[in-house]
Protein backbone atom coordinates (compact mmCIF):
# COMPACT_ATOMS: atom_id res chain seq x y z
CA MET A 1 -22.35 5.35 -1.10
CA ALA A 2 -18.92 6.89 -1.31
CA ARG A 3 -15.71 4.77 -1.47
CA ILE A 4 -11.94 5.74 -1.63
CA ASP A 5 -10.67 5.82 -5.20
CA HIS A 6 -7.22 5.46 -4.21
CA ALA A 7 -4.42 6.19 -1.77
CA ALA A 8 -1.33 7.64 -2.98
CA ILE A 9 2.13 6.55 -1.53
CA ARG A 10 5.34 8.42 -2.29
CA THR A 11 8.43 5.97 -2.48
CA LYS A 12 12.09 6.10 -3.50
CA SER A 13 11.93 2.33 -3.99
CA TYR A 14 9.57 2.16 -6.83
CA GLU A 15 10.11 -1.33 -8.18
CA GLU A 16 10.32 -2.72 -4.52
CA ALA A 17 7.03 -1.18 -3.68
CA GLN A 18 5.43 -2.60 -6.79
CA HIS A 19 6.55 -6.05 -6.01
CA PHE A 20 5.32 -5.72 -2.39
CA LEU A 21 1.80 -4.74 -3.40
CA GLU A 22 1.77 -7.40 -6.13
CA ASP A 23 3.20 -10.15 -4.05
CA VAL A 24 1.69 -9.63 -0.53
CA PHE A 25 -1.68 -8.28 -1.67
CA GLU A 26 -2.01 -9.70 -5.09
CA MET A 27 -2.84 -6.30 -6.48
CA HIS A 28 -3.30 -5.67 -10.23
CA MET A 29 -1.65 -2.64 -11.92
CA TRP A 30 -3.94 -0.97 -14.51
CA ARG A 31 -1.95 2.01 -15.46
CA GLU A 32 1.63 3.28 -15.38
CA ILE A 33 2.96 6.65 -16.68
CA GLY A 34 6.16 8.77 -16.56
CA GLU A 35 9.78 7.93 -16.62
CA LYS A 36 12.36 7.43 -13.87
CA PRO A 37 12.65 9.07 -11.36
CA GLY A 38 8.92 10.51 -11.70
CA ARG A 39 7.00 7.27 -12.54
CA LYS A 40 3.42 6.59 -11.36
CA CYS A 41 1.20 3.61 -11.40
CA TRP A 42 -2.22 2.76 -10.24
CA TYR A 43 -3.70 -0.46 -8.98
CA LYS A 44 -7.32 -1.58 -9.42
CA GLU A 45 -7.40 -2.13 -5.67
CA GLY A 46 -7.10 1.58 -4.98
CA ILE A 47 -3.36 2.21 -4.51
CA GLN A 48 -1.12 4.62 -6.33
CA LEU A 49 2.59 4.80 -6.29
CA CYS A 50 4.47 7.98 -6.88
CA GLU A 51 8.16 7.63 -7.47
CA VAL A 52 10.29 10.41 -5.85
CA GLU A 53 13.99 10.98 -5.72
CA GLU A 54 14.08 12.12 -2.19
CA LEU A 55 11.60 12.05 0.69
CA ASP A 56 11.45 15.05 2.67
CA ALA A 57 9.93 15.49 6.23
CA ALA A 58 6.50 16.47 4.68
CA SER A 59 6.34 13.39 2.44
CA GLU A 60 7.46 11.00 5.02
CA ASN A 61 4.86 12.09 7.38
CA GLY A 62 2.12 13.15 5.08
CA TYR A 63 -0.08 10.25 5.65
CA ASP A 64 -1.75 8.94 8.73
CA HIS A 65 -2.50 5.41 7.47
CA ILE A 66 -3.93 3.42 4.59
CA SER A 67 -6.60 0.76 5.29
CA ILE A 68 -6.65 -2.31 3.03
CA ALA A 69 -9.44 -4.86 3.19
CA VAL A 70 -8.10 -8.49 2.92
CA ASP A 71 -9.36 -12.01 3.16
CA SER A 72 -7.05 -12.98 6.03
CA GLU A 73 -5.21 -10.39 8.25
CA ALA A 74 -3.06 -13.25 9.75
CA GLU A 75 -1.95 -14.55 6.28
CA ILE A 76 -0.79 -11.07 5.23
CA MET A 77 0.89 -10.30 8.55
CA GLU A 78 2.85 -13.70 7.93
CA LYS A 79 3.87 -12.59 4.33
CA ILE A 80 5.07 -9.33 5.51
CA LYS A 81 7.97 -10.91 7.56
CA ALA A 82 9.78 -11.42 4.20
CA TYR A 83 9.96 -7.63 3.74
CA PRO A 84 11.68 -4.73 5.59
CA VAL A 85 8.60 -3.73 7.24
CA LYS A 86 7.56 -3.18 11.05
CA ALA A 87 4.71 -5.07 12.53
CA ILE A 88 2.87 -2.81 15.08
CA ASN A 89 0.30 -5.26 16.22
CA ASP A 90 -1.77 -8.11 14.76
CA HIS A 91 -3.33 -5.97 11.96
CA TRP A 92 -1.07 -2.88 11.65
CA PHE A 93 2.46 -2.62 10.16
CA SER A 94 4.43 0.26 8.80
CA LEU A 95 6.51 0.51 5.61
CA PRO A 96 10.34 1.74 5.82
CA ASN A 97 9.13 5.26 5.01
CA GLY A 98 6.90 5.44 7.90
CA THR A 99 3.56 4.94 6.13
CA LYS A 100 1.25 3.03 8.40
CA ILE A 101 -1.04 0.32 6.97
CA GLU A 102 -4.13 -1.05 8.63
CA LEU A 103 -5.74 -4.47 7.62
CA LYS A 104 -9.39 -4.95 7.90
CA PRO A 105 -11.45 -8.04 7.14
CA LEU A 106 -12.81 -8.06 3.47
CA ALA A 107 -15.97 -9.58 4.76
CA GLU A 108 -16.99 -6.15 6.38
CA TRP A 109 -16.88 -4.64 2.81
CA LYS A 110 -19.01 -7.50 1.21
CA VAL A 111 -22.73 -6.37 0.77
CA ASP A 112 -25.27 -8.80 -0.33
CA ALA A 113 -27.10 -7.53 -3.48
C-alpha cells in the first residue's frame, strides 16, 4: 500500500501558516531547517511548509489541491472562519495563496488490523 508522505505548500506567511496548521488541524511539527526567508518545516501529518519571499504565477497555481483526513469536517469548517480563507463548499476551502484543501473523513483511512 502506498501513502502520500507529504504535500509541500509555498508561503510568504510562514509563521501564520504554522499557526494555522497547528491550531486548526492540531498538527505536530517534527523538523524545521533553514533561516528566514528560506525556512522549511515538516509535520508528522504529512505537510511541509516552504517559506518564499515572493509567490510567482507558477508557485501560486502549482497545486491542484491537498486532501486532509479529519475527525469532523464540520468542526474544521467552523474553525477556519477565524482565518482569512475562503470556504468553497462544506468540505473544501482555499488559502489566501489559492491552494485548495479538501477535507475527508478520517474514518475512511482507518483499517482494522
